[in-house]
C-alpha atoms as a PDB file:
ATOM      1  CA  UNK A   1     -47.966 106.313 173.003  1.00  0.00           C
ATOM      2  CA  UNK A   2     -51.324 104.593 172.412  1.00  0.00           C
ATOM      3  CA  UNK A   3     -52.462 107.373 170.849  1.00  0.00           C
ATOM      4  CA  UNK A   4     -50.197 107.922 168.386  1.00  0.00           C
ATOM      5  CA  UNK A   5     -49.742 104.138 167.493  1.00  0.00           C
ATOM      6  CA  UNK A   6     -53.216 104.070 167.084  1.00  0.00           C
ATOM      7  CA  UNK A   7     -52.942 107.637 164.563  1.00  0.00           C
ATOM      8  CA  UNK A   8     -50.707 106.110 163.074  1.00  0.00           C
ATOM      9  CA  UNK A   9     -52.116 102.454 162.274  1.00  0.00           C
ATOM     10  CA  UNK A  10     -55.090 104.700 160.916  1.00  0.00           C
ATOM     11  CA  UNK A  11     -53.209 106.343 158.447  1.00  0.00           C
ATOM     12  CA  UNK A  12     -50.712 103.364 157.145  1.00  0.00           C
ATOM     13  CA  UNK A  13     -54.489 102.239 156.376  1.00  0.00           C
ATOM     14  CA  UNK A  14     -55.395 105.525 154.405  1.00  0.00           C
ATOM     15  CA  UNK A  15     -52.123 105.245 152.522  1.00  0.00           C
ATOM     16  CA  UNK A  16     -52.440 101.457 151.775  1.00  0.00           C
ATOM     17  CA  UNK A  17     -55.594 100.451 151.125  1.00  0.00           C
ATOM     18  CA  UNK A  18     -56.396 100.703 146.784  1.00  0.00           C
ATOM     19  CA  UNK A  19     -58.344 104.293 145.776  1.00  0.00           C
ATOM     20  CA  UNK A  20     -61.470 102.057 144.318  1.00  0.00           C
ATOM     21  CA  UNK A  21     -61.390 101.309 147.842  1.00  0.00           C
ATOM     22  CA  UNK A  22     -62.549 104.013 149.322  1.00  0.00           C
ATOM     23  CA  UNK A  23     -64.828 105.831 146.432  1.00  0.00           C
ATOM     24  CA  UNK A  24     -67.511 106.768 147.208  1.00  0.00           C
ATOM     25  CA  UNK A  25     -70.837 105.258 145.318  1.00  0.00           C
ATOM     26  CA  UNK A  26     -71.836 108.606 144.652  1.00  0.00           C
ATOM     27  CA  UNK A  27     -68.785 110.302 143.111  1.00  0.00           C
ATOM     28  CA  UNK A  28     -69.935 110.301 139.215  1.00  0.00           C
ATOM     29  CA  UNK A  29     -66.887 108.389 137.155  1.00  0.00           C
ATOM     30  CA  UNK A  30     -65.301 109.862 133.922  1.00  0.00           C
ATOM     31  CA  UNK A  31     -64.103 107.474 131.317  1.00  0.00           C
ATOM     32  CA  UNK A  32     -60.298 108.997 130.855  1.00  0.00           C
ATOM     33  CA  UNK A  33     -60.633 108.510 127.201  1.00  0.00           C
ATOM     34  CA  UNK A  34     -64.030 109.736 126.736  1.00  0.00           C
ATOM     35  CA  UNK A  35     -64.315 112.179 123.448  1.00  0.00           C
ATOM     36  CA  UNK A  36     -64.575 115.603 123.520  1.00  0.00           C
ATOM     37  CA  UNK A  37     -67.744 115.690 121.732  1.00  0.00           C
ATOM     38  CA  UNK A  38     -69.573 112.604 119.891  1.00  0.00           C
ATOM     39  CA  UNK A  39     -71.998 112.748 116.617  1.00  0.00           C
ATOM     40  CA  UNK A  40     -75.185 110.616 117.337  1.00  0.00           C
ATOM     41  CA  UNK A  41     -75.514 107.909 114.659  1.00  0.00           C
ATOM     42  CA  UNK A  42     -78.802 106.019 113.905  1.00  0.00           C
ATOM     43  CA  UNK A  43     -79.112 102.741 116.562  1.00  0.00           C
ATOM     44  CA  UNK A  44     -77.361 104.572 119.158  1.00  0.00           C
ATOM     45  CA  UNK A  45     -79.238 104.734 122.495  1.00  0.00           C
ATOM     46  CA  UNK A  46     -78.922 107.355 125.351  1.00  0.00           C
ATOM     47  CA  UNK A  47     -76.815 103.671 127.116  1.00  0.00           C
ATOM     48  CA  UNK A  48     -74.444 103.717 124.222  1.00  0.00           C
ATOM     49  CA  UNK A  49     -73.929 107.538 124.189  1.00  0.00           C
ATOM     50  CA  UNK A  50     -73.201 107.603 127.831  1.00  0.00           C
ATOM     51  CA  UNK A  51     -70.813 104.753 128.061  1.00  0.00           C
ATOM     52  CA  UNK A  52     -68.475 106.941 126.074  1.00  0.00           C
ATOM     53  CA  UNK A  53     -68.456 109.255 128.276  1.00  0.00           C
ATOM     54  CA  UNK A  54     -68.876 107.168 131.877  1.00  0.00           C
ATOM     55  CA  UNK A  55     -67.546 104.371 133.852  1.00  0.00           C
ATOM     56  CA  UNK A  56     -71.210 104.026 134.628  1.00  0.00           C
ATOM     57  CA  UNK A  57     -73.165 104.539 131.746  1.00  0.00           C
ATOM     58  CA  UNK A  58     -76.635 103.861 133.452  1.00  0.00           C
ATOM     59  CA  UNK A  59     -76.285 107.051 135.874  1.00  0.00           C
ATOM     60  CA  UNK A  60     -76.833 109.095 132.671  1.00  0.00           C
ATOM     61  CA  UNK A  61     -79.736 110.563 134.236  1.00  0.00           C
ATOM     62  CA  UNK A  62     -78.072 112.340 136.439  1.00  0.00           C
ATOM     63  CA  UNK A  63     -75.421 113.921 133.830  1.00  0.00           C
ATOM     64  CA  UNK A  64     -78.108 114.779 130.632  1.00  0.00           C
ATOM     65  CA  UNK A  65     -79.007 118.444 130.971  1.00  0.00           C
ATOM     66  CA  UNK A  66     -82.288 119.436 131.361  1.00  0.00           C
ATOM     67  CA  UNK A  67     -82.215 122.674 129.611  1.00  0.00           C
ATOM     68  CA  UNK A  68     -84.175 124.845 126.562  1.00  0.00           C
ATOM     69  CA  UNK A  69     -82.198 123.515 124.240  1.00  0.00           C
ATOM     70  CA  UNK A  70     -83.631 119.802 125.074  1.00  0.00           C
ATOM     71  CA  UNK A  71     -86.607 119.184 127.658  1.00  0.00           C
ATOM     72  CA  UNK A  72     -86.689 115.515 127.358  1.00  0.00           C
ATOM     73  CA  UNK A  73     -83.357 113.822 126.455  1.00  0.00           C
ATOM     74  CA  UNK A  74     -84.942 110.988 124.665  1.00  0.00           C
ATOM     75  CA  UNK A  75     -85.682 113.395 122.270  1.00  0.00           C
ATOM     76  CA  UNK A  76     -82.190 113.018 120.040  1.00  0.00           C
ATOM     77  CA  UNK A  77     -81.881 112.515 116.878  1.00  0.00           C
ATOM     78  CA  UNK A  78     -78.651 111.126 114.566  1.00  0.00           C
ATOM     79  CA  UNK A  79     -76.915 114.019 113.805  1.00  0.00           C
ATOM     80  CA  UNK A  80     -77.061 115.551 117.244  1.00  0.00           C
ATOM     81  CA  UNK A  81     -73.803 116.465 118.564  1.00  0.00           C
ATOM     82  CA  UNK A  82     -73.182 115.716 122.539  1.00  0.00           C
ATOM     83  CA  UNK A  83     -70.410 117.033 124.383  1.00  0.00           C
ATOM     84  CA  UNK A  84     -69.489 117.184 128.038  1.00  0.00           C
ATOM     85  CA  UNK A  85     -69.223 120.442 130.248  1.00  0.00           C
ATOM     86  CA  UNK A  86     -68.762 121.386 133.881  1.00  0.00           C
ATOM     87  CA  UNK A  87     -70.885 123.415 135.495  1.00  0.00           C
ATOM     88  CA  UNK A  88     -70.461 124.320 139.236  1.00  0.00           C
ATOM     89  CA  UNK A  89     -67.711 121.628 139.070  1.00  0.00           C
ATOM     90  CA  UNK A  90     -70.197 118.852 138.117  1.00  0.00           C
ATOM     91  CA  UNK A  91     -69.960 117.300 134.216  1.00  0.00           C
ATOM     92  CA  UNK A  92     -73.033 118.037 131.950  1.00  0.00           C
ATOM     93  CA  UNK A  93     -73.667 116.492 128.695  1.00  0.00           C
ATOM     94  CA  UNK A  94     -75.026 118.990 126.414  1.00  0.00           C
ATOM     95  CA  UNK A  95     -76.803 118.727 122.941  1.00  0.00           C
ATOM     96  CA  UNK A  96     -76.071 120.573 120.181  1.00  0.00           C
ATOM     97  CA  UNK A  97     -78.337 120.267 116.916  1.00  0.00           C
ATOM     98  CA  UNK A  98     -76.800 118.788 113.752  1.00  0.00           C
ATOM     99  CA  UNK A  99     -76.457 120.585 110.725  1.00  0.00           C
ATOM    100  CA  UNK A 100     -79.985 118.858 109.432  1.00  0.00           C
ATOM    101  CA  UNK A 101     -81.964 121.564 112.163  1.00  0.00           C
ATOM    102  CA  UNK A 102     -80.284 124.667 110.213  1.00  0.00           C
ATOM    103  CA  UNK A 103     -81.396 123.733 106.596  1.00  0.00           C
ATOM    104  CA  UNK A 104     -84.173 125.971 105.057  1.00  0.00           C
ATOM    105  CA  UNK A 105     -85.097 122.771 103.743  1.00  0.00           C
ATOM    106  CA  UNK A 106     -85.443 121.114 107.293  1.00  0.00           C
ATOM    107  CA  UNK A 107     -88.355 119.446 108.297  1.00  0.00           C
ATOM    108  CA  UNK A 108     -89.031 118.329 111.861  1.00  0.00           C
ATOM    109  CA  UNK A 109     -88.205 114.810 112.828  1.00  0.00           C
ATOM    110  CA  UNK A 110     -90.868 112.300 113.912  1.00  0.00           C
ATOM    111  CA  UNK A 111     -90.933 110.882 117.691  1.00  0.00           C
ATOM    112  CA  UNK A 112     -90.217 107.342 116.254  1.00  0.00           C
ATOM    113  CA  UNK A 113     -86.611 108.357 115.421  1.00  0.00           C
ATOM    114  CA  UNK A 114     -85.255 109.721 118.576  1.00  0.00           C
ATOM    115  CA  UNK A 115     -83.457 107.793 120.164  1.00  0.00           C
ATOM    116  CA  UNK A 116     -84.232 105.439 122.568  1.00  0.00           C
ATOM    117  CA  UNK A 117     -82.783 104.794 126.813  1.00  0.00           C
ATOM    118  CA  UNK A 118     -81.703 101.063 125.429  1.00  0.00           C
ATOM    119  CA  UNK A 119     -82.383  99.093 122.622  1.00  0.00           C
ATOM    120  CA  UNK A 120     -86.663  98.734 122.797  1.00  0.00           C
ATOM    121  CA  UNK A 121     -86.001  95.915 119.565  1.00  0.00           C
ATOM    122  CA  UNK A 122     -84.543  93.379 122.063  1.00  0.00           C
ATOM    123  CA  UNK A 123     -87.157  93.614 124.954  1.00  0.00           C
ATOM    124  CA  UNK A 124     -90.507  94.696 122.552  1.00  0.00           C
ATOM    125  CA  UNK A 125     -91.854  91.120 122.465  1.00  0.00           C
ATOM    126  CA  UNK A 126     -91.281  90.622 126.448  1.00  0.00           C
ATOM    127  CA  UNK A 127     -93.016  93.988 126.597  1.00  0.00           C
ATOM    128  CA  UNK A 128     -96.028  93.162 124.830  1.00  0.00           C
ATOM    129  CA  UNK A 129     -96.580  89.304 124.786  1.00  0.00           C
ATOM    130  CA  UNK A 130     -95.158  87.720 128.084  1.00  0.00           C
ATOM    131  CA  UNK A 131     -96.171  88.064 131.478  1.00  0.00           C
ATOM    132  CA  UNK A 132     -95.742  86.034 134.980  1.00  0.00           C
ATOM    133  CA  UNK A 133     -98.814  84.876 137.061  1.00  0.00           C
ATOM    134  CA  UNK A 134     -98.774  82.665 140.530  1.00  0.00           C
ATOM    135  CA  UNK A 135     -99.825  79.151 140.446  1.00  0.00           C
ATOM    136  CA  UNK A 136    -102.990  78.918 141.289  1.00  0.00           C
ATOM    137  CA  UNK A 137    -104.532  82.178 139.321  1.00  0.00           C
ATOM    138  CA  UNK A 138    -102.829  79.642 136.128  1.00  0.00           C
ATOM    139  CA  UNK A 139    -104.575  77.019 137.335  1.00  0.00           C
ATOM    140  CA  UNK A 140    -107.876  78.472 137.698  1.00  0.00           C
ATOM    141  CA  UNK A 141    -108.211  79.829 134.184  1.00  0.00           C
ATOM    142  CA  UNK A 142    -110.420  78.296 131.681  1.00  0.00           C
ATOM    143  CA  UNK A 143    -108.674  75.755 129.162  1.00  0.00           C
ATOM    144  CA  UNK A 144    -109.342  75.941 124.984  1.00  0.00           C
ATOM    145  CA  UNK A 145    -111.092  73.097 124.669  1.00  0.00           C
ATOM    146  CA  UNK A 146    -110.648  72.988 120.773  1.00  0.00           C
ATOM    147  CA  UNK A 147    -111.636  75.083 117.767  1.00  0.00           C
ATOM    148  CA  UNK A 148    -114.643  74.997 115.570  1.00  0.00           C
ATOM    149  CA  UNK A 149    -115.203  71.435 113.479  1.00  0.00           C
ATOM    150  CA  UNK A 150    -113.266  69.891 116.606  1.00  0.00           C
ATOM    151  CA  UNK A 151    -109.572  71.780 115.297  1.00  0.00           C
ATOM    152  CA  UNK A 152    -106.630  70.693 116.791  1.00  0.00           C
ATOM    153  CA  UNK A 153    -105.075  74.508 115.968  1.00  0.00           C
ATOM    154  CA  UNK A 154    -107.091  77.679 115.195  1.00  0.00           C
ATOM    155  CA  UNK A 155    -105.950  81.292 114.017  1.00  0.00           C
ATOM    156  CA  UNK A 156    -106.974  84.678 113.879  1.00  0.00           C
ATOM    157  CA  UNK A 157    -111.270  84.669 112.614  1.00  0.00           C
ATOM    158  CA  UNK A 158    -112.015  81.337 113.443  1.00  0.00           C
ATOM    159  CA  UNK A 159    -113.669  80.007 116.780  1.00  0.00           C
ATOM    160  CA  UNK A 160    -112.563  78.237 119.535  1.00  0.00           C
ATOM    161  CA  UNK A 161    -114.111  77.048 123.011  1.00  0.00           C
ATOM    162  CA  UNK A 162    -112.499  76.787 126.437  1.00  0.00           C
ATOM    163  CA  UNK A 163    -114.106  75.313 129.984  1.00  0.00           C
ATOM    164  CA  UNK A 164    -113.948  77.023 133.063  1.00  0.00           C
ATOM    165  CA  UNK A 165    -114.743  80.075 134.794  1.00  0.00           C
ATOM    166  CA  UNK A 166    -113.480  83.651 133.803  1.00  0.00           C
ATOM    167  CA  UNK A 167    -111.312  84.955 136.090  1.00  0.00           C
ATOM    168  CA  UNK A 168    -112.774  88.394 135.358  1.00  0.00           C
ATOM    169  CA  UNK A 169    -116.415  88.701 133.220  1.00  0.00           C
ATOM    170  CA  UNK A 170    -114.299  91.293 130.531  1.00  0.00           C
ATOM    171  CA  UNK A 171    -115.156  90.956 126.831  1.00  0.00           C
ATOM    172  CA  UNK A 172    -111.219  90.842 125.855  1.00  0.00           C
ATOM    173  CA  UNK A 173    -109.154  88.609 127.202  1.00  0.00           C
ATOM    174  CA  UNK A 174    -106.235  86.875 125.940  1.00  0.00           C
ATOM    175  CA  UNK A 175    -105.157  83.131 125.501  1.00  0.00           C
ATOM    176  CA  UNK A 176    -101.530  82.242 127.218  1.00  0.00           C
ATOM    177  CA  UNK A 177     -99.502  79.261 126.818  1.00  0.00           C
ATOM    178  CA  UNK A 178     -97.254  78.368 130.212  1.00  0.00           C
ATOM    179  CA  UNK A 179     -93.212  78.153 128.692  1.00  0.00           C
ATOM    180  CA  UNK A 180     -91.633  77.734 132.085  1.00  0.00           C
ATOM    181  CA  UNK A 181     -92.451  77.823 136.083  1.00  0.00           C
ATOM    182  CA  UNK A 182     -90.736  79.714 138.485  1.00  0.00           C
ATOM    183  CA  UNK A 183     -89.520  78.396 141.621  1.00  0.00           C
ATOM    184  CA  UNK A 184     -86.676  80.049 143.631  1.00  0.00           C
ATOM    185  CA  UNK A 185     -83.789  78.504 144.053  1.00  0.00           C
ATOM    186  CA  UNK A 186     -82.967  79.572 147.572  1.00  0.00           C
ATOM    187  CA  UNK A 187     -85.801  79.180 149.304  1.00  0.00           C
ATOM    188  CA  UNK A 188     -87.832  76.526 146.624  1.00  0.00           C
ATOM    189  CA  UNK A 189     -90.659  78.988 146.711  1.00  0.00           C
ATOM    190  CA  UNK A 190     -93.563  78.846 143.709  1.00  0.00           C
ATOM    191  CA  UNK A 191     -92.424  82.038 141.870  1.00  0.00           C
ATOM    192  CA  UNK A 192     -95.020  81.860 139.371  1.00  0.00           C
ATOM    193  CA  UNK A 193     -95.883  80.502 135.582  1.00  0.00           C
ATOM    194  CA  UNK A 194     -94.200  82.518 132.776  1.00  0.00           C
ATOM    195  CA  UNK A 195     -96.964  82.972 129.773  1.00  0.00           C
ATOM    196  CA  UNK A 196     -96.411  83.816 126.446  1.00  0.00           C
ATOM    197  CA  UNK A 197     -99.535  85.192 124.177  1.00  0.00           C
ATOM    198  CA  UNK A 198    -101.228  82.897 121.855  1.00  0.00           C
ATOM    199  CA  UNK A 199    -104.037  85.418 120.547  1.00  0.00           C
ATOM    200  CA  UNK A 200    -106.961  88.168 121.340  1.00  0.00           C
ATOM    201  CA  UNK A 201    -109.992  86.878 121.435  1.00  0.00           C
ATOM    202  CA  UNK A 202    -113.229  88.264 122.484  1.00  0.00           C
ATOM    203  CA  UNK A 203    -116.336  86.715 124.740  1.00  0.00           C
ATOM    204  CA  UNK A 204    -119.133  85.256 122.182  1.00  0.00           C
ATOM    205  CA  UNK A 205    -121.074  83.764 124.820  1.00  0.00           C
ATOM    206  CA  UNK A 206    -120.985  81.639 128.226  1.00  0.00           C
ATOM    207  CA  UNK A 207    -123.375  78.334 128.484  1.00  0.00           C
ATOM    208  CA  UNK A 208    -122.868  77.024 131.694  1.00  0.00           C
ATOM    209  CA  UNK A 209    -118.604  76.358 132.014  1.00  0.00           C
ATOM    210  CA  UNK A 210    -118.328  76.167 128.317  1.00  0.00           C
ATOM    211  CA  UNK A 211    -116.707  80.021 126.535  1.00  0.00           C
ATOM    212  CA  UNK A 212    -117.325  80.933 122.941  1.00  0.00           C
ATOM    213  CA  UNK A 213    -114.531  82.829 121.891  1.00  0.00           C
ATOM    214  CA  UNK A 214    -113.437  84.995 118.691  1.00  0.00           C
ATOM    215  CA  UNK A 215    -109.887  84.525 117.869  1.00  0.00           C
ATOM    216  CA  UNK A 216    -109.127  88.573 116.972  1.00  0.00           C
ATOM    217  CA  UNK A 217    -105.599  88.046 116.338  1.00  0.00           C
ATOM    218  CA  UNK A 218    -102.702  85.595 116.355  1.00  0.00           C
ATOM    219  CA  UNK A 219     -99.816  85.348 118.001  1.00  0.00           C
ATOM    220  CA  UNK A 220     -99.311  81.960 117.448  1.00  0.00           C
ATOM    221  CA  UNK A 221    -101.589  78.952 116.783  1.00  0.00           C
ATOM    222  CA  UNK A 222    -103.728  78.247 119.446  1.00  0.00           C
ATOM    223  CA  UNK A 223    -103.814  74.870 120.851  1.00  0.00           C
ATOM    224  CA  UNK A 224    -106.218  72.729 123.507  1.00  0.00           C
ATOM    225  CA  UNK A 225    -105.016  73.630 127.187  1.00  0.00           C
ATOM    226  CA  UNK A 226    -103.670  77.428 126.448  1.00  0.00           C
ATOM    227  CA  UNK A 227    -105.526  79.167 129.052  1.00  0.00           C
ATOM    228  CA  UNK A 228    -107.469  82.104 128.349  1.00  0.00           C
ATOM    229  CA  UNK A 229    -106.707  84.893 130.972  1.00  0.00           C
ATOM    230  CA  UNK A 230    -108.360  88.693 131.007  1.00  0.00           C
ATOM    231  CA  UNK A 231    -106.394  90.923 128.219  1.00  0.00           C
ATOM    232  CA  UNK A 232    -103.701  93.119 129.900  1.00  0.00           C
ATOM    233  CA  UNK A 233    -104.783  96.404 130.347  1.00  0.00           C
ATOM    234  CA  UNK A 234    -101.267  98.401 131.668  1.00  0.00           C
ATOM    235  CA  UNK A 235     -99.970 100.202 129.224  1.00  0.00           C
ATOM    236  CA  UNK A 236     -96.453  99.392 127.683  1.00  0.00           C
ATOM    237  CA  UNK A 237     -93.541 100.861 129.365  1.00  0.00           C
ATOM    238  CA  UNK A 238     -90.975 102.395 126.567  1.00  0.00           C
ATOM    239  CA  UNK A 239     -89.135 104.368 128.249  1.00  0.00           C
ATOM    240  CA  UNK A 240     -86.651 103.744 130.723  1.00  0.00           C
ATOM    241  CA  UNK A 241     -84.623 106.255 133.625  1.00  0.00           C
ATOM    242  CA  UNK A 242     -81.832 104.053 134.861  1.00  0.00           C
ATOM    243  CA  UNK A 243     -81.686 104.154 139.098  1.00  0.00           C
ATOM    244  CA  UNK A 244     -79.809 101.897 141.568  1.00  0.00           C
ATOM    245  CA  UNK A 245     -81.318  99.107 142.941  1.00  0.00           C
ATOM    246  CA  UNK A 246     -82.739  98.816 146.497  1.00  0.00           C
ATOM    247  CA  UNK A 247     -79.572  98.731 148.655  1.00  0.00           C
ATOM    248  CA  UNK A 248     -78.474  95.615 149.788  1.00  0.00           C
ATOM    249  CA  UNK A 249     -81.195  93.845 147.835  1.00  0.00           C
ATOM    250  CA  UNK A 250     -79.620  90.501 146.151  1.00  0.00           C
ATOM    251  CA  UNK A 251     -80.661  87.953 144.116  1.00  0.00           C
ATOM    252  CA  UNK A 252     -80.466  85.036 141.124  1.00  0.00           C
ATOM    253  CA  UNK A 253     -80.937  84.764 137.677  1.00  0.00           C
ATOM    254  CA  UNK A 254     -83.847  81.867 137.473  1.00  0.00           C
ATOM    255  CA  UNK A 255     -83.324  81.916 133.313  1.00  0.00           C
ATOM    256  CA  UNK A 256     -81.955  83.474 129.975  1.00  0.00           C
ATOM    257  CA  UNK A 257     -84.943  83.675 127.534  1.00  0.00           C
ATOM    258  CA  UNK A 258     -84.555  82.484 124.673  1.00  0.00           C
ATOM    259  CA  UNK A 259     -81.556  80.188 125.462  1.00  0.00           C
ATOM    260  CA  UNK A 260     -80.751  77.266 127.256  1.00  0.00           C
ATOM    261  CA  UNK A 261     -78.438  77.832 129.874  1.00  0.00           C
ATOM    262  CA  UNK A 262     -75.982  81.160 128.951  1.00  0.00           C
ATOM    263  CA  UNK A 263     -76.486  84.608 127.307  1.00  0.00           C
ATOM    264  CA  UNK A 264     -74.468  87.870 127.092  1.00  0.00           C
ATOM    265  CA  UNK A 265     -74.955  91.412 125.981  1.00  0.00           C
ATOM    266  CA  UNK A 266     -78.889  92.585 124.922  1.00  0.00           C
ATOM    267  CA  UNK A 267     -80.209  89.126 126.084  1.00  0.00           C
ATOM    268  CA  UNK A 268     -83.394  88.890 128.884  1.00  0.00           C
ATOM    269  CA  UNK A 269     -82.991  87.473 132.303  1.00  0.00           C
ATOM    270  CA  UNK A 270     -85.750  86.600 134.795  1.00  0.00           C
ATOM    271  CA  UNK A 271     -84.567  87.236 138.351  1.00  0.00           C
ATOM    272  CA  UNK A 272     -86.572  85.660 141.412  1.00  0.00           C
ATOM    273  CA  UNK A 273     -86.847  88.975 143.315  1.00  0.00           C
ATOM    274  CA  UNK A 274     -90.426  91.224 142.209  1.00  0.00           C
ATOM    275  CA  UNK A 275     -92.669  93.958 142.555  1.00  0.00           C
ATOM    276  CA  UNK A 276     -92.774  92.860 146.658  1.00  0.00           C
ATOM    277  CA  UNK A 277     -89.002  93.564 147.125  1.00  0.00           C
ATOM    278  CA  UNK A 278     -89.586  96.632 145.737  1.00  0.00           C
ATOM    279  CA  UNK A 279     -88.181  96.630 142.372  1.00  0.00           C
ATOM    280  CA  UNK A 280     -89.469  98.996 139.842  1.00  0.00           C
ATOM    281  CA  UNK A 281     -88.528  99.391 136.122  1.00  0.00           C
ATOM    282  CA  UNK A 282     -85.268 100.949 135.590  1.00  0.00           C
ATOM    283  CA  UNK A 283     -83.957  99.624 139.220  1.00  0.00           C
ATOM    284  CA  UNK A 284     -79.854  98.657 137.854  1.00  0.00           C
ATOM    285  CA  UNK A 285     -78.046  95.663 138.990  1.00  0.00           C
ATOM    286  CA  UNK A 286     -74.743  94.218 139.261  1.00  0.00           C
ATOM    287  CA  UNK A 287     -74.177  90.954 137.629  1.00  0.00           C
ATOM    288  CA  UNK A 288     -72.032  88.353 139.766  1.00  0.00           C
ATOM    289  CA  UNK A 289     -71.059  85.364 137.525  1.00  0.00           C
ATOM    290  CA  UNK A 290     -70.880  82.000 140.456  1.00  0.00           C
ATOM    291  CA  UNK A 291     -67.358  81.679 140.709  1.00  0.00           C
ATOM    292  CA  UNK A 292     -66.072  77.540 139.527  1.00  0.00           C
ATOM    293  CA  UNK A 293     -65.595  74.712 142.154  1.00  0.00           C
ATOM    294  CA  UNK A 294     -61.848  73.962 141.868  1.00  0.00           C
ATOM    295  CA  UNK A 295     -59.676  70.552 143.618  1.00  0.00           C
ATOM    296  CA  UNK A 296     -56.805  71.919 145.880  1.00  0.00           C
ATOM    297  CA  UNK A 297     -53.709  70.181 144.674  1.00  0.00           C
ATOM    298  CA  UNK A 298     -52.691  69.090 147.958  1.00  0.00           C
ATOM    299  CA  UNK A 299     -55.367  68.532 149.621  1.00  0.00           C
ATOM    300  CA  UNK A 300     -57.581  67.662 147.348  1.00  0.00           C
ATOM    301  CA  UNK A 301     -60.866  69.273 148.745  1.00  0.00           C
ATOM    302  CA  UNK A 302     -63.362  70.953 146.696  1.00  0.00           C
ATOM    303  CA  UNK A 303     -63.174  74.427 147.081  1.00  0.00           C
ATOM    304  CA  UNK A 304     -65.538  77.109 145.910  1.00  0.00           C
ATOM    305  CA  UNK A 305     -63.862  80.143 144.032  1.00  0.00           C
ATOM    306  CA  UNK A 306     -65.409  83.690 144.801  1.00  0.00           C
ATOM    307  CA  UNK A 307     -67.925  85.049 142.438  1.00  0.00           C
ATOM    308  CA  UNK A 308     -66.601  88.235 140.336  1.00  0.00           C
ATOM    309  CA  UNK A 309     -68.468  90.596 138.606  1.00  0.00           C
ATOM    310  CA  UNK A 310     -69.077  89.930 134.806  1.00  0.00           C
ATOM    311  CA  UNK A 311     -71.964  92.382 134.190  1.00  0.00           C
ATOM    312  CA  UNK A 312     -74.916  94.872 134.336  1.00  0.00           C
ATOM    313  CA  UNK A 313     -78.113  94.353 133.477  1.00  0.00           C
ATOM    314  CA  UNK A 314     -81.623  96.788 134.028  1.00  0.00           C
ATOM    315  CA  UNK A 315     -84.980  95.760 135.444  1.00  0.00           C
ATOM    316  CA  UNK A 316     -88.131  96.625 132.166  1.00  0.00           C
ATOM    317  CA  UNK A 317     -90.567  94.766 133.586  1.00  0.00           C
ATOM    318  CA  UNK A 318     -91.632  93.460 137.097  1.00  0.00           C
ATOM    319  CA  UNK A 319     -94.347  91.158 138.260  1.00  0.00           C
ATOM    320  CA  UNK A 320     -94.860  90.494 141.973  1.00  0.00           C
ATOM    321  CA  UNK A 321     -92.450  87.733 142.845  1.00  0.00           C
ATOM    322  CA  UNK A 322     -90.227  88.033 139.476  1.00  0.00           C
ATOM    323  CA  UNK A 323     -88.945  90.638 137.304  1.00  0.00           C
ATOM    324  CA  UNK A 324     -87.558  90.696 133.572  1.00  0.00           C
ATOM    325  CA  UNK A 325     -83.915  92.917 132.756  1.00  0.00           C
ATOM    326  CA  UNK A 326     -82.139  93.435 130.274  1.00  0.00           C
ATOM    327  CA  UNK A 327     -77.900  92.645 130.088  1.00  0.00           C
ATOM    328  CA  UNK A 328     -76.408  96.026 129.481  1.00  0.00           C
ATOM    329  CA  UNK A 329     -73.311  94.722 129.303  1.00  0.00           C
ATOM    330  CA  UNK A 330     -71.382  91.858 130.064  1.00  0.00           C
ATOM    331  CA  UNK A 331     -67.845  90.941 130.162  1.00  0.00           C
ATOM    332  CA  UNK A 332     -68.749  87.251 130.765  1.00  0.00           C
ATOM    333  CA  UNK A 333     -71.214  84.906 130.035  1.00  0.00           C
ATOM    334  CA  UNK A 334     -74.752  85.339 132.085  1.00  0.00           C
ATOM    335  CA  UNK A 335     -75.807  82.355 133.523  1.00  0.00           C
ATOM    336  CA  UNK A 336     -78.983  80.513 135.680  1.00  0.00           C
ATOM    337  CA  UNK A 337     -77.673  80.881 138.971  1.00  0.00           C
ATOM    338  CA  UNK A 338     -75.642  84.464 138.931  1.00  0.00           C
ATOM    339  CA  UNK A 339     -76.078  86.507 141.203  1.00  0.00           C
ATOM    340  CA  UNK A 340     -77.770  89.862 141.012  1.00  0.00           C
ATOM    341  CA  UNK A 341     -76.070  93.121 143.600  1.00  0.00           C
ATOM    342  CA  UNK A 342     -76.421  96.608 143.927  1.00  0.00           C
ATOM    343  CA  UNK A 343     -74.112  98.341 140.769  1.00  0.00           C
END
């Protein structure tokens, strides 16, 4: 009898549990309103196109067909036709080249017209001009004293002077300005300074602790107290393959870059997780908006409402303790303090 009751309970639990609760994470869900085919237009991204077919568009690497028609899914151009087929019981997105390829006068498309994975225009400045370094390294870096003839600001072609010892004896340096200091909201650990590039400079001479530098290129006007830091040598990443974030890893949004507190789709956010937690460019997180605090009308207690999923972001640049992510989808505002979880 006891075994019978246990079995009956198991059956009841199975039939009474919502279908989505039993859905495995690795089951790829197609949109019910997906089109039979889609013609690529200028301004599309692989993420956008995949969102027309998939419930989780960040999983597009699983369905793009790598066949002789298209060796690289990033080499898709406006006019190409995307269509869905089934192979061995699994969905595949294929590409049929548009009519432009059939014209006898058609010319090869330049690579810079290929459809990107994500909107690179929204992150380009963060890839090129922004970085995060730890507090100790920042405070050890030489600081700008002044420009030639005691100028307070300097630009391309000017000579500037800095005081201190170069972090690395390299001829190419860069001048950065601290725009934010990140502190972990949970542990209060200092995570580093966010720096914005001011100019590219080259070392002309070093006299004791005074360094003479030529300003080769200006992004902003160079000012006193800006810091001289070795120019970043890493190659700028422009191709991204989304993948799920490390299992069970959670974190918080530290800031919405370029905004006071709130943001939304295609805004860049800073996260309190980085390389030391195993993050890489391409990792995808779900965003959970912090629940509001309300007053119980009967007990008058303050009650914290549960966090609710409000969007998806993809990490595109990582540092030791901090990462930058691009909000790819949002159903609510994205705010400082929102939690990030597995997608």
